[in-house]
Amino acid sequence: MISGVLISMLFAQNKLLERSLFPYGVVLQTTPIVAIAPLIIIWLKNNTFAALILCAWIVAFFPIIPNTTFGLNSIDKNLSDMFKLYGASRWQTLIYLRFPNALPYFLGWLRISGGLALIGAVVAEFVAGTGGSRSGIADQILVSSYNLEIPRMFAALFLTTGLGIAIFLLFTILSDFLLKDWHESAIQKDT
């Protein structure tokens, strides 16, 4: 999440850098995590937990970059001119104009990226086959399917779905809290 915002900041400040590096992100985003996960697990050898985190990060990281960059670049020209008129530095413009403008874009994709990170972690665990005491919900789904324990498999599936919904709700609450007093998407409307 933080890494996506930092890269978006660089992209918003330098178009050449954005045009040079953005295609690599698109390639990594469009490559299925199922294809990448085995390579990550091989590269990280005995550190399955780090492999799970890296897979989750890859899946969640790239949707944040284009949307946050779009938000950083989608500022009102009149406001930008006003900042220039008052002699605001690039950093002041970034902090006081571009960041607040990009916040709704970032928070919207953060909600989606949370669920995508869960998918990345589940896929990585499927590939890693952690098993044992360190097994997670995905391993329970696999073991249950191999043993034809359908109720246990559905229970693990419902837990995964519930966790995804909880992540989405958590980020929705965070979004509403951060935007409640000033952005149209979170202001309570009188009926």
N, C-alpha and C. Protein backbone atom coordinates (compact mmCIF):
# COMPACT_ATOMS: atom_id res chain seq x y z
N MET A 1 0.83 -1.18 0.00
CA MET A 1 0.00 0.00 0.00
C MET A 1 0.88 1.25 0.00
N ILE A 2 1.79 1.34 0.94
CA ILE A 2 2.67 2.51 1.02
C ILE A 2 3.58 2.56 -0.20
N SER A 3 4.06 1.39 -0.62
CA SER A 3 4.94 1.35 -1.79
C SER A 3 4.18 1.81 -3.04
N GLY A 4 2.92 1.47 -3.16
CA GLY A 4 2.12 1.92 -4.29
C GLY A 4 1.95 3.43 -4.31
N VAL A 5 1.73 4.01 -3.14
CA VAL A 5 1.58 5.47 -3.05
C VAL A 5 2.90 6.16 -3.39
N LEU A 6 4.01 5.63 -2.89
CA LEU A 6 5.31 6.24 -3.19
C LEU A 6 5.63 6.19 -4.68
N ILE A 7 5.35 5.07 -5.30
CA ILE A 7 5.59 4.97 -6.74
C ILE A 7 4.64 5.90 -7.50
N SER A 8 3.41 6.00 -7.05
CA SER A 8 2.46 6.93 -7.68
C SER A 8 2.94 8.36 -7.57
N MET A 9 3.53 8.71 -6.42
CA MET A 9 4.07 10.06 -6.25
C MET A 9 5.18 10.31 -7.27
N LEU A 10 6.06 9.33 -7.45
CA LEU A 10 7.12 9.49 -8.44
C LEU A 10 6.55 9.62 -9.84
N PHE A 11 5.56 8.80 -10.16
CA PHE A 11 4.94 8.86 -11.48
C PHE A 11 4.26 10.21 -11.72
N ALA A 12 3.61 10.74 -10.70
CA ALA A 12 2.91 12.02 -10.85
C ALA A 12 3.90 13.17 -11.02
N GLN A 13 5.09 13.03 -10.47
CA GLN A 13 6.09 14.09 -10.57
C GLN A 13 6.92 14.00 -11.85
N ASN A 14 6.97 12.81 -12.45
CA ASN A 14 7.85 12.62 -13.60
C ASN A 14 7.17 11.72 -14.64
N LYS A 15 6.66 12.32 -15.70
CA LYS A 15 5.94 11.58 -16.75
C LYS A 15 6.85 10.58 -17.46
N LEU A 16 8.12 10.93 -17.67
CA LEU A 16 9.05 10.02 -18.34
C LEU A 16 9.23 8.75 -17.52
N LEU A 17 9.37 8.91 -16.21
CA LEU A 17 9.50 7.75 -15.33
C LEU A 17 8.23 6.89 -15.37
N GLU A 18 7.08 7.55 -15.37
CA GLU A 18 5.82 6.80 -15.44
C GLU A 18 5.73 6.01 -16.74
N ARG A 19 6.02 6.64 -17.84
CA ARG A 19 5.93 5.95 -19.13
C ARG A 19 6.97 4.85 -19.27
N SER A 20 8.09 4.99 -18.59
CA SER A 20 9.16 3.99 -18.67
C SER A 20 8.86 2.76 -17.82
N LEU A 21 8.35 2.95 -16.61
CA LEU A 21 8.19 1.85 -15.67
C LEU A 21 6.78 1.25 -15.62
N PHE A 22 5.78 2.02 -16.03
CA PHE A 22 4.41 1.53 -15.93
C PHE A 22 4.17 0.24 -16.71
N PRO A 23 4.75 0.07 -17.91
CA PRO A 23 4.53 -1.19 -18.63
C PRO A 23 4.97 -2.44 -17.85
N TYR A 24 6.01 -2.32 -17.04
CA TYR A 24 6.44 -3.47 -16.23
C TYR A 24 5.37 -3.85 -15.21
N GLY A 25 4.75 -2.86 -14.65
CA GLY A 25 3.66 -3.12 -13.72
C GLY A 25 2.48 -3.79 -14.40
N VAL A 26 2.19 -3.35 -15.61
CA VAL A 26 1.08 -3.96 -16.36
C VAL A 26 1.38 -5.42 -16.67
N VAL A 27 2.61 -5.71 -17.06
CA VAL A 27 3.00 -7.10 -17.34
C VAL A 27 2.86 -7.95 -16.10
N LEU A 28 3.33 -7.45 -14.97
CA LEU A 28 3.24 -8.24 -13.73
C LEU A 28 1.80 -8.38 -13.27
N GLN A 29 0.98 -7.35 -13.48
CA GLN A 29 -0.42 -7.42 -13.07
C GLN A 29 -1.22 -8.38 -13.93
N THR A 30 -0.90 -8.44 -15.21
CA THR A 30 -1.68 -9.30 -16.10
C THR A 30 -1.19 -10.75 -16.13
N THR A 31 -0.05 -11.01 -15.55
CA THR A 31 0.42 -12.39 -15.43
C THR A 31 -0.30 -13.03 -14.26
N PRO A 32 -0.95 -14.16 -14.47
CA PRO A 32 -1.73 -14.78 -13.39
C PRO A 32 -0.84 -15.14 -12.19
N ILE A 33 -1.35 -14.86 -11.01
CA ILE A 33 -0.60 -15.16 -9.78
C ILE A 33 -0.36 -16.66 -9.66
N VAL A 34 -1.22 -17.47 -10.25
CA VAL A 34 -1.03 -18.92 -10.22
C VAL A 34 0.26 -19.29 -10.94
N ALA A 35 0.64 -18.52 -11.96
CA ALA A 35 1.87 -18.79 -12.69
C ALA A 35 3.10 -18.26 -11.96
N ILE A 36 2.94 -17.18 -11.23
CA ILE A 36 4.07 -16.55 -10.54
C ILE A 36 4.36 -17.21 -9.19
N ALA A 37 3.32 -17.65 -8.50
CA ALA A 37 3.47 -18.19 -7.14
C ALA A 37 4.49 -19.32 -7.03
N PRO A 38 4.50 -20.30 -7.93
CA PRO A 38 5.52 -21.36 -7.79
C PRO A 38 6.94 -20.83 -7.88
N LEU A 39 7.15 -19.84 -8.76
CA LEU A 39 8.49 -19.25 -8.87
C LEU A 39 8.89 -18.53 -7.59
N ILE A 40 7.95 -17.80 -7.02
CA ILE A 40 8.24 -17.07 -5.78
C ILE A 40 8.56 -18.06 -4.66
N ILE A 41 7.82 -19.14 -4.58
CA ILE A 41 8.05 -20.13 -3.54
C ILE A 41 9.42 -20.79 -3.72
N ILE A 42 9.81 -21.03 -4.98
CA ILE A 42 11.13 -21.61 -5.24
C ILE A 42 12.22 -20.62 -4.86
N TRP A 43 12.05 -19.35 -5.24
CA TRP A 43 13.06 -18.34 -4.95
C TRP A 43 13.23 -18.10 -3.46
N LEU A 44 12.14 -18.15 -2.71
CA LEU A 44 12.22 -17.88 -1.28
C LEU A 44 12.46 -19.15 -0.46
N LYS A 45 12.66 -20.25 -1.11
CA LYS A 45 13.01 -21.55 -0.54
C LYS A 45 12.17 -21.93 0.67
N ASN A 46 12.72 -21.87 1.84
CA ASN A 46 12.04 -22.38 3.03
C ASN A 46 11.19 -21.34 3.75
N ASN A 47 11.05 -20.18 3.20
CA ASN A 47 10.29 -19.13 3.86
C ASN A 47 8.91 -19.00 3.20
N THR A 48 8.04 -19.93 3.52
CA THR A 48 6.70 -19.96 2.92
C THR A 48 5.89 -18.73 3.30
N PHE A 49 6.03 -18.28 4.54
CA PHE A 49 5.27 -17.11 4.97
C PHE A 49 5.63 -15.88 4.14
N ALA A 50 6.92 -15.68 3.88
CA ALA A 50 7.35 -14.55 3.04
C ALA A 50 6.81 -14.70 1.62
N ALA A 51 6.76 -15.92 1.12
CA ALA A 51 6.21 -16.15 -0.22
C ALA A 51 4.72 -15.80 -0.26
N LEU A 52 3.98 -16.16 0.79
CA LEU A 52 2.56 -15.82 0.85
C LEU A 52 2.37 -14.31 0.88
N ILE A 53 3.16 -13.63 1.67
CA ILE A 53 3.08 -12.16 1.77
C ILE A 53 3.42 -11.51 0.43
N LEU A 54 4.47 -12.01 -0.22
CA LEU A 54 4.88 -11.43 -1.50
C LEU A 54 3.81 -11.63 -2.57
N CYS A 55 3.20 -12.80 -2.60
CA CYS A 55 2.12 -13.04 -3.58
C CYS A 55 0.93 -12.13 -3.31
N ALA A 56 0.57 -11.98 -2.05
CA ALA A 56 -0.53 -11.09 -1.70
C ALA A 56 -0.19 -9.65 -2.08
N TRP A 57 1.05 -9.26 -1.85
CA TRP A 57 1.48 -7.89 -2.17
C TRP A 57 1.43 -7.64 -3.67
N ILE A 58 1.91 -8.60 -4.47
CA ILE A 58 1.93 -8.43 -5.92
C ILE A 58 0.52 -8.21 -6.46
N VAL A 59 -0.42 -9.01 -5.97
CA VAL A 59 -1.79 -8.91 -6.47
C VAL A 59 -2.44 -7.60 -6.03
N ALA A 60 -2.15 -7.13 -4.83
CA ALA A 60 -2.81 -5.93 -4.30
C ALA A 60 -2.11 -4.63 -4.68
N PHE A 61 -0.83 -4.71 -4.98
CA PHE A 61 0.00 -3.54 -5.18
C PHE A 61 -0.32 -2.77 -6.46
N PHE A 62 -0.44 -3.46 -7.56
CA PHE A 62 -0.53 -2.78 -8.85
C PHE A 62 -1.84 -2.07 -9.13
N PRO A 63 -2.99 -2.52 -8.62
CA PRO A 63 -4.20 -1.71 -8.87
C PRO A 63 -4.14 -0.34 -8.20
N ILE A 64 -3.37 -0.22 -7.14
CA ILE A 64 -3.29 1.05 -6.42
C ILE A 64 -2.51 2.09 -7.24
N ILE A 65 -1.48 1.67 -7.95
CA ILE A 65 -0.60 2.61 -8.65
C ILE A 65 -1.34 3.43 -9.72
N PRO A 66 -2.02 2.80 -10.68
CA PRO A 66 -2.63 3.66 -11.72
C PRO A 66 -3.72 4.57 -11.18
N ASN A 67 -4.48 4.09 -10.21
CA ASN A 67 -5.58 4.91 -9.70
C ASN A 67 -5.09 6.05 -8.82
N THR A 68 -4.09 5.79 -8.01
CA THR A 68 -3.53 6.87 -7.19
C THR A 68 -2.82 7.89 -8.08
N THR A 69 -2.10 7.40 -9.08
CA THR A 69 -1.44 8.31 -10.03
C THR A 69 -2.48 9.16 -10.75
N PHE A 70 -3.57 8.54 -11.17
CA PHE A 70 -4.65 9.27 -11.83
C PHE A 70 -5.21 10.35 -10.89
N GLY A 71 -5.40 10.00 -9.62
CA GLY A 71 -5.90 10.98 -8.66
C GLY A 71 -4.92 12.12 -8.42
N LEU A 72 -3.63 11.79 -8.36
CA LEU A 72 -2.62 12.82 -8.17
C LEU A 72 -2.55 13.77 -9.36
N ASN A 73 -2.84 13.25 -10.54
CA ASN A 73 -2.77 14.07 -11.76
C ASN A 73 -4.08 14.75 -12.10
N SER A 74 -5.18 14.38 -11.47
CA SER A 74 -6.51 14.90 -11.82
C SER A 74 -6.89 16.09 -10.94
N ILE A 75 -6.02 17.05 -10.89
CA ILE A 75 -6.31 18.22 -10.06
C ILE A 75 -6.96 19.30 -10.92
N ASP A 76 -7.74 20.11 -10.28
CA ASP A 76 -8.41 21.23 -10.95
C ASP A 76 -7.34 22.23 -11.41
N LYS A 77 -7.37 22.59 -12.67
CA LYS A 77 -6.38 23.51 -13.23
C LYS A 77 -6.41 24.86 -12.51
N ASN A 78 -7.59 25.32 -12.13
CA ASN A 78 -7.69 26.60 -11.42
C ASN A 78 -7.01 26.53 -10.06
N LEU A 79 -7.19 25.41 -9.36
CA LEU A 79 -6.51 25.26 -8.07
C LEU A 79 -5.00 25.16 -8.26
N SER A 80 -4.57 24.46 -9.28
CA SER A 80 -3.14 24.36 -9.57
C SER A 80 -2.55 25.73 -9.87
N ASP A 81 -3.28 26.51 -10.67
CA ASP A 81 -2.81 27.87 -10.98
C ASP A 81 -2.77 28.74 -9.73
N MET A 82 -3.72 28.57 -8.83
CA MET A 82 -3.73 29.33 -7.60
C MET A 82 -2.51 28.99 -6.73
N PHE A 83 -2.17 27.70 -6.66
CA PHE A 83 -0.99 27.30 -5.90
C PHE A 83 0.26 27.92 -6.51
N LYS A 84 0.35 27.96 -7.84
CA LYS A 84 1.49 28.58 -8.50
C LYS A 84 1.53 30.08 -8.23
N LEU A 85 0.35 30.71 -8.27
CA LEU A 85 0.25 32.15 -8.04
C LEU A 85 0.78 32.52 -6.65
N TYR A 86 0.47 31.68 -5.67
CA TYR A 86 0.93 31.95 -4.30
C TYR A 86 2.34 31.42 -4.02
N GLY A 87 2.99 30.89 -5.04
CA GLY A 87 4.38 30.47 -4.90
C GLY A 87 4.58 29.16 -4.15
N ALA A 88 3.61 28.28 -4.22
CA ALA A 88 3.75 26.99 -3.53
C ALA A 88 4.81 26.15 -4.22
N SER A 89 5.62 25.46 -3.42
CA SER A 89 6.63 24.57 -3.97
C SER A 89 5.96 23.30 -4.50
N ARG A 90 6.74 22.46 -5.20
CA ARG A 90 6.20 21.20 -5.71
C ARG A 90 5.72 20.32 -4.55
N TRP A 91 6.46 20.32 -3.45
CA TRP A 91 6.08 19.48 -2.30
C TRP A 91 4.83 20.02 -1.62
N GLN A 92 4.72 21.33 -1.52
CA GLN A 92 3.50 21.90 -0.94
C GLN A 92 2.29 21.59 -1.82
N THR A 93 2.47 21.69 -3.12
CA THR A 93 1.38 21.35 -4.04
C THR A 93 1.03 19.88 -3.92
N LEU A 94 2.03 19.03 -3.79
CA LEU A 94 1.80 17.59 -3.65
C LEU A 94 1.03 17.29 -2.36
N ILE A 95 1.46 17.87 -1.26
CA ILE A 95 0.87 17.55 0.04
C ILE A 95 -0.51 18.19 0.22
N TYR A 96 -0.66 19.44 -0.18
CA TYR A 96 -1.90 20.16 0.11
C TYR A 96 -2.93 20.14 -1.01
N LEU A 97 -2.53 19.79 -2.22
CA LEU A 97 -3.48 19.75 -3.32
C LEU A 97 -3.61 18.36 -3.93
N ARG A 98 -2.49 17.78 -4.32
CA ARG A 98 -2.54 16.50 -5.02
C ARG A 98 -2.95 15.34 -4.10
N PHE A 99 -2.39 15.25 -2.89
CA PHE A 99 -2.76 14.15 -1.98
C PHE A 99 -4.25 14.15 -1.64
N PRO A 100 -4.79 15.28 -1.19
CA PRO A 100 -6.23 15.25 -0.89
C PRO A 100 -7.08 14.90 -2.11
N ASN A 101 -6.66 15.33 -3.30
CA ASN A 101 -7.39 15.00 -4.50
C ASN A 101 -7.31 13.50 -4.82
N ALA A 102 -6.17 12.87 -4.53
CA ALA A 102 -5.96 11.46 -4.85
C ALA A 102 -6.55 10.53 -3.79
N LEU A 103 -6.83 11.04 -2.60
CA LEU A 103 -7.28 10.18 -1.51
C LEU A 103 -8.53 9.34 -1.85
N PRO A 104 -9.58 9.90 -2.44
CA PRO A 104 -10.73 9.05 -2.78
C PRO A 104 -10.39 7.95 -3.79
N TYR A 105 -9.53 8.25 -4.75
CA TYR A 105 -9.10 7.24 -5.72
C TYR A 105 -8.34 6.12 -5.02
N PHE A 106 -7.42 6.51 -4.16
CA PHE A 106 -6.60 5.55 -3.43
C PHE A 106 -7.46 4.67 -2.52
N LEU A 107 -8.35 5.29 -1.77
CA LEU A 107 -9.18 4.53 -0.83
C LEU A 107 -10.15 3.60 -1.55
N GLY A 108 -10.65 4.03 -2.70
CA GLY A 108 -11.53 3.16 -3.47
C GLY A 108 -10.81 1.89 -3.91
N TRP A 109 -9.61 2.04 -4.39
CA TRP A 109 -8.86 0.87 -4.82
C TRP A 109 -8.26 0.10 -3.66
N LEU A 110 -8.10 0.74 -2.53
CA LEU A 110 -7.62 0.02 -1.35
C LEU A 110 -8.64 -1.04 -0.93
N ARG A 111 -9.91 -0.70 -1.02
CA ARG A 111 -10.97 -1.67 -0.70
C ARG A 111 -10.89 -2.88 -1.62
N ILE A 112 -10.67 -2.64 -2.88
CA ILE A 112 -10.57 -3.74 -3.84
C ILE A 112 -9.27 -4.51 -3.66
N SER A 113 -8.18 -3.81 -3.43
CA SER A 113 -6.89 -4.46 -3.25
C SER A 113 -6.85 -5.36 -2.02
N GLY A 114 -7.61 -5.01 -0.99
CA GLY A 114 -7.66 -5.87 0.20
C GLY A 114 -8.18 -7.26 -0.15
N GLY A 115 -9.25 -7.31 -0.94
CA GLY A 115 -9.77 -8.60 -1.37
C GLY A 115 -8.82 -9.32 -2.32
N LEU A 116 -8.17 -8.56 -3.20
CA LEU A 116 -7.20 -9.16 -4.11
C LEU A 116 -6.01 -9.75 -3.35
N ALA A 117 -5.58 -9.08 -2.28
CA ALA A 117 -4.49 -9.61 -1.47
C ALA A 117 -4.88 -10.94 -0.85
N LEU A 118 -6.11 -11.05 -0.41
CA LEU A 118 -6.60 -12.31 0.14
C LEU A 118 -6.56 -13.41 -0.92
N ILE A 119 -6.98 -13.09 -2.14
CA ILE A 119 -6.92 -14.06 -3.24
C ILE A 119 -5.47 -14.47 -3.50
N GLY A 120 -4.57 -13.51 -3.52
CA GLY A 120 -3.15 -13.82 -3.74
C GLY A 120 -2.59 -14.73 -2.67
N ALA A 121 -2.97 -14.48 -1.42
CA ALA A 121 -2.49 -15.33 -0.33
C ALA A 121 -3.06 -16.74 -0.43
N VAL A 122 -4.33 -16.86 -0.79
CA VAL A 122 -4.96 -18.18 -0.92
C VAL A 122 -4.32 -18.96 -2.06
N VAL A 123 -4.09 -18.30 -3.20
CA VAL A 123 -3.45 -18.98 -4.32
C VAL A 123 -2.04 -19.42 -3.95
N ALA A 124 -1.30 -18.55 -3.30
CA ALA A 124 0.07 -18.91 -2.89
C ALA A 124 0.06 -20.08 -1.92
N GLU A 125 -0.90 -20.11 -1.04
CA GLU A 125 -0.98 -21.24 -0.09
C GLU A 125 -1.38 -22.52 -0.81
N PHE A 126 -2.24 -22.42 -1.81
CA PHE A 126 -2.57 -23.60 -2.63
C PHE A 126 -1.30 -24.16 -3.26
N VAL A 127 -0.50 -23.28 -3.83
CA VAL A 127 0.71 -23.70 -4.53
C VAL A 127 1.75 -24.21 -3.53
N ALA A 128 1.90 -23.51 -2.41
CA ALA A 128 2.92 -23.88 -1.43
C ALA A 128 2.57 -25.17 -0.71
N GLY A 129 1.28 -25.41 -0.49
CA GLY A 129 0.88 -26.61 0.25
C GLY A 129 1.50 -26.65 1.63
N THR A 130 1.32 -25.60 2.41
CA THR A 130 2.00 -25.48 3.69
C THR A 130 1.71 -26.64 4.63
N GLY A 131 0.47 -26.95 4.84
CA GLY A 131 0.10 -28.09 5.70
C GLY A 131 0.61 -27.95 7.12
N GLY A 132 0.31 -28.92 7.93
CA GLY A 132 0.79 -28.96 9.31
C GLY A 132 0.19 -27.87 10.18
N SER A 133 0.94 -27.50 11.20
CA SER A 133 0.44 -26.52 12.17
C SER A 133 0.38 -25.10 11.60
N ARG A 134 1.11 -24.85 10.53
CA ARG A 134 1.13 -23.51 9.93
C ARG A 134 0.14 -23.38 8.78
N SER A 135 -0.73 -24.34 8.62
CA SER A 135 -1.66 -24.30 7.49
C SER A 135 -2.73 -23.24 7.74
N GLY A 136 -3.21 -22.71 6.63
CA GLY A 136 -4.25 -21.70 6.70
C GLY A 136 -5.55 -22.22 6.14
N ILE A 137 -6.44 -21.29 5.87
CA ILE A 137 -7.77 -21.66 5.38
C ILE A 137 -7.68 -22.33 4.02
N ALA A 138 -6.78 -21.85 3.15
CA ALA A 138 -6.66 -22.44 1.81
C ALA A 138 -6.22 -23.90 1.89
N ASP A 139 -5.33 -24.19 2.80
CA ASP A 139 -4.90 -25.58 2.97
C ASP A 139 -6.06 -26.44 3.46
N GLN A 140 -6.92 -25.88 4.29
CA GLN A 140 -8.09 -26.61 4.75
C GLN A 140 -9.04 -26.92 3.60
N ILE A 141 -9.17 -26.00 2.66
CA ILE A 141 -10.00 -26.24 1.48
C ILE A 141 -9.42 -27.39 0.65
N LEU A 142 -8.11 -27.36 0.45
CA LEU A 142 -7.47 -28.42 -0.33
C LEU A 142 -7.60 -29.79 0.33
N VAL A 143 -7.27 -29.86 1.61
CA VAL A 143 -7.33 -31.13 2.34
C VAL A 143 -8.76 -31.65 2.35
N SER A 144 -9.71 -30.78 2.56
CA SER A 144 -11.12 -31.18 2.58
C SER A 144 -11.57 -31.70 1.23
N SER A 145 -11.10 -31.07 0.16
CA SER A 145 -11.51 -31.53 -1.17
C SER A 145 -10.88 -32.89 -1.49
N TYR A 146 -9.63 -33.11 -1.07
CA TYR A 146 -8.99 -34.40 -1.30
C TYR A 146 -9.69 -35.51 -0.53
N ASN A 147 -10.16 -35.21 0.68
CA ASN A 147 -10.81 -36.20 1.55
C ASN A 147 -12.32 -36.23 1.38
N LEU A 148 -12.83 -35.45 0.43
CA LEU A 148 -14.27 -35.34 0.17
C LEU A 148 -15.06 -34.98 1.43
N GLU A 149 -14.50 -34.08 2.22
CA GLU A 149 -15.18 -33.56 3.42
C GLU A 149 -15.86 -32.24 3.02
N ILE A 150 -17.00 -32.38 2.37
CA ILE A 150 -17.69 -31.23 1.79
C ILE A 150 -18.10 -30.20 2.84
N PRO A 151 -18.67 -30.59 3.99
CA PRO A 151 -19.03 -29.56 4.98
C PRO A 151 -17.81 -28.75 5.46
N ARG A 152 -16.69 -29.43 5.68
CA ARG A 152 -15.47 -28.75 6.13
C ARG A 152 -14.95 -27.81 5.03
N MET A 153 -15.05 -28.25 3.78
CA MET A 153 -14.62 -27.43 2.67
C MET A 153 -15.48 -26.17 2.56
N PHE A 154 -16.80 -26.31 2.71
CA PHE A 154 -17.67 -25.14 2.67
C PHE A 154 -17.42 -24.22 3.87
N ALA A 155 -17.13 -24.79 5.02
CA ALA A 155 -16.83 -23.96 6.20
C ALA A 155 -15.59 -23.11 5.94
N ALA A 156 -14.55 -23.72 5.37
CA ALA A 156 -13.33 -22.97 5.06
C ALA A 156 -13.59 -21.92 3.98
N LEU A 157 -14.42 -22.27 3.02
CA LEU A 157 -14.78 -21.32 1.97
C LEU A 157 -15.56 -20.14 2.53
N PHE A 158 -16.51 -20.42 3.43
CA PHE A 158 -17.27 -19.34 4.06
C PHE A 158 -16.38 -18.46 4.94
N LEU A 159 -15.39 -19.07 5.61
CA LEU A 159 -14.44 -18.28 6.40
C LEU A 159 -13.62 -17.35 5.51
N THR A 160 -13.19 -17.87 4.37
CA THR A 160 -12.44 -17.04 3.43
C THR A 160 -13.30 -15.89 2.90
N THR A 161 -14.52 -16.21 2.54
CA THR A 161 -15.45 -15.18 2.06
C THR A 161 -15.72 -14.15 3.15
N GLY A 162 -15.94 -14.61 4.37
CA GLY A 162 -16.19 -13.71 5.49
C GLY A 162 -15.00 -12.80 5.75
N LEU A 163 -13.79 -13.35 5.63
CA LEU A 163 -12.59 -12.54 5.82
C LEU A 163 -12.49 -11.48 4.73
N GLY A 164 -12.82 -11.85 3.49
CA GLY A 164 -12.81 -10.87 2.39
C GLY A 164 -13.82 -9.76 2.63
N ILE A 165 -15.00 -10.12 3.09
CA ILE A 165 -16.03 -9.11 3.39
C ILE A 165 -15.57 -8.21 4.54
N ALA A 166 -14.95 -8.81 5.56
CA ALA A 166 -14.47 -8.03 6.70
C ALA A 166 -13.38 -7.03 6.27
N ILE A 167 -12.49 -7.46 5.40
CA ILE A 167 -11.44 -6.56 4.89
C ILE A 167 -12.09 -5.40 4.13
N PHE A 168 -13.05 -5.73 3.27
CA PHE A 168 -13.73 -4.69 2.50
C PHE A 168 -14.46 -3.71 3.43
N LEU A 169 -15.16 -4.22 4.42
CA LEU A 169 -15.88 -3.34 5.36
C LEU A 169 -14.92 -2.47 6.17
N LEU A 170 -13.81 -3.05 6.59
CA LEU A 170 -12.81 -2.29 7.34
C LEU A 170 -12.29 -1.11 6.52
N PHE A 171 -11.97 -1.36 5.26
CA PHE A 171 -11.47 -0.28 4.41
C PHE A 171 -12.59 0.70 4.03
N THR A 172 -13.82 0.24 3.96
CA THR A 172 -14.94 1.15 3.71
C THR A 172 -15.14 2.09 4.89
N ILE A 173 -15.07 1.55 6.10
CA ILE A 173 -15.18 2.38 7.31
C ILE A 173 -14.03 3.39 7.37
N LEU A 174 -12.82 2.94 7.06
CA LEU A 174 -11.67 3.84 7.03
C LEU A 174 -11.87 4.94 5.99
N SER A 175 -12.36 4.56 4.82
CA SER A 175 -12.61 5.53 3.76
C SER A 175 -13.66 6.56 4.18
N ASP A 176 -14.76 6.09 4.74
CA ASP A 176 -15.81 7.01 5.19
C ASP A 176 -15.30 7.94 6.28
N PHE A 177 -14.47 7.41 7.18
CA PHE A 177 -13.91 8.23 8.26
C PHE A 177 -13.00 9.33 7.71
N LEU A 178 -12.13 8.96 6.76
CA LEU A 178 -11.18 9.93 6.22
C LEU A 178 -11.83 10.96 5.30
N LEU A 179 -12.93 10.59 4.66
CA LEU A 179 -13.55 11.48 3.69
C LEU A 179 -14.83 12.15 4.19
N LYS A 180 -15.27 11.83 5.40
CA LYS A 180 -16.61 12.20 5.86
C LYS A 180 -16.92 13.69 5.86
N ASP A 181 -15.96 14.53 6.10
CA ASP A 181 -16.26 15.95 6.25
C ASP A 181 -16.07 16.77 4.98
N TRP A 182 -15.52 16.19 3.92
CA TRP A 182 -15.21 17.04 2.79
C TRP A 182 -15.44 16.43 1.42
N HIS A 183 -15.55 15.14 1.29
CA HIS A 183 -15.72 14.57 -0.05
C HIS A 183 -17.16 14.12 -0.29
N GLU A 184 -17.64 14.38 -1.48
CA GLU A 184 -19.04 14.09 -1.83
C GLU A 184 -19.41 12.62 -1.64
N SER A 185 -18.46 11.70 -1.81
CA SER A 185 -18.79 10.29 -1.70
C SER A 185 -19.11 9.86 -0.27
N ALA A 186 -18.68 10.65 0.72
CA ALA A 186 -18.88 10.23 2.12
C ALA A 186 -19.76 11.18 2.92
N ILE A 187 -20.12 12.31 2.36
CA ILE A 187 -20.97 13.26 3.09
C ILE A 187 -22.38 12.72 3.16
N GLN A 188 -22.96 12.77 4.37
CA GLN A 188 -24.33 12.32 4.55
C GLN A 188 -25.27 13.30 3.86
N LYS A 189 -26.11 12.77 3.03
CA LYS A 189 -27.04 13.62 2.28
C LYS A 189 -28.38 13.68 3.01
N ASP A 190 -28.97 14.88 3.03
CA ASP A 190 -30.29 15.03 3.63
C ASP A 190 -31.34 14.53 2.64
N THR A 191 -32.30 13.76 3.14
CA THR A 191 -33.34 13.25 2.26
C THR A 191 -34.64 13.96 2.46
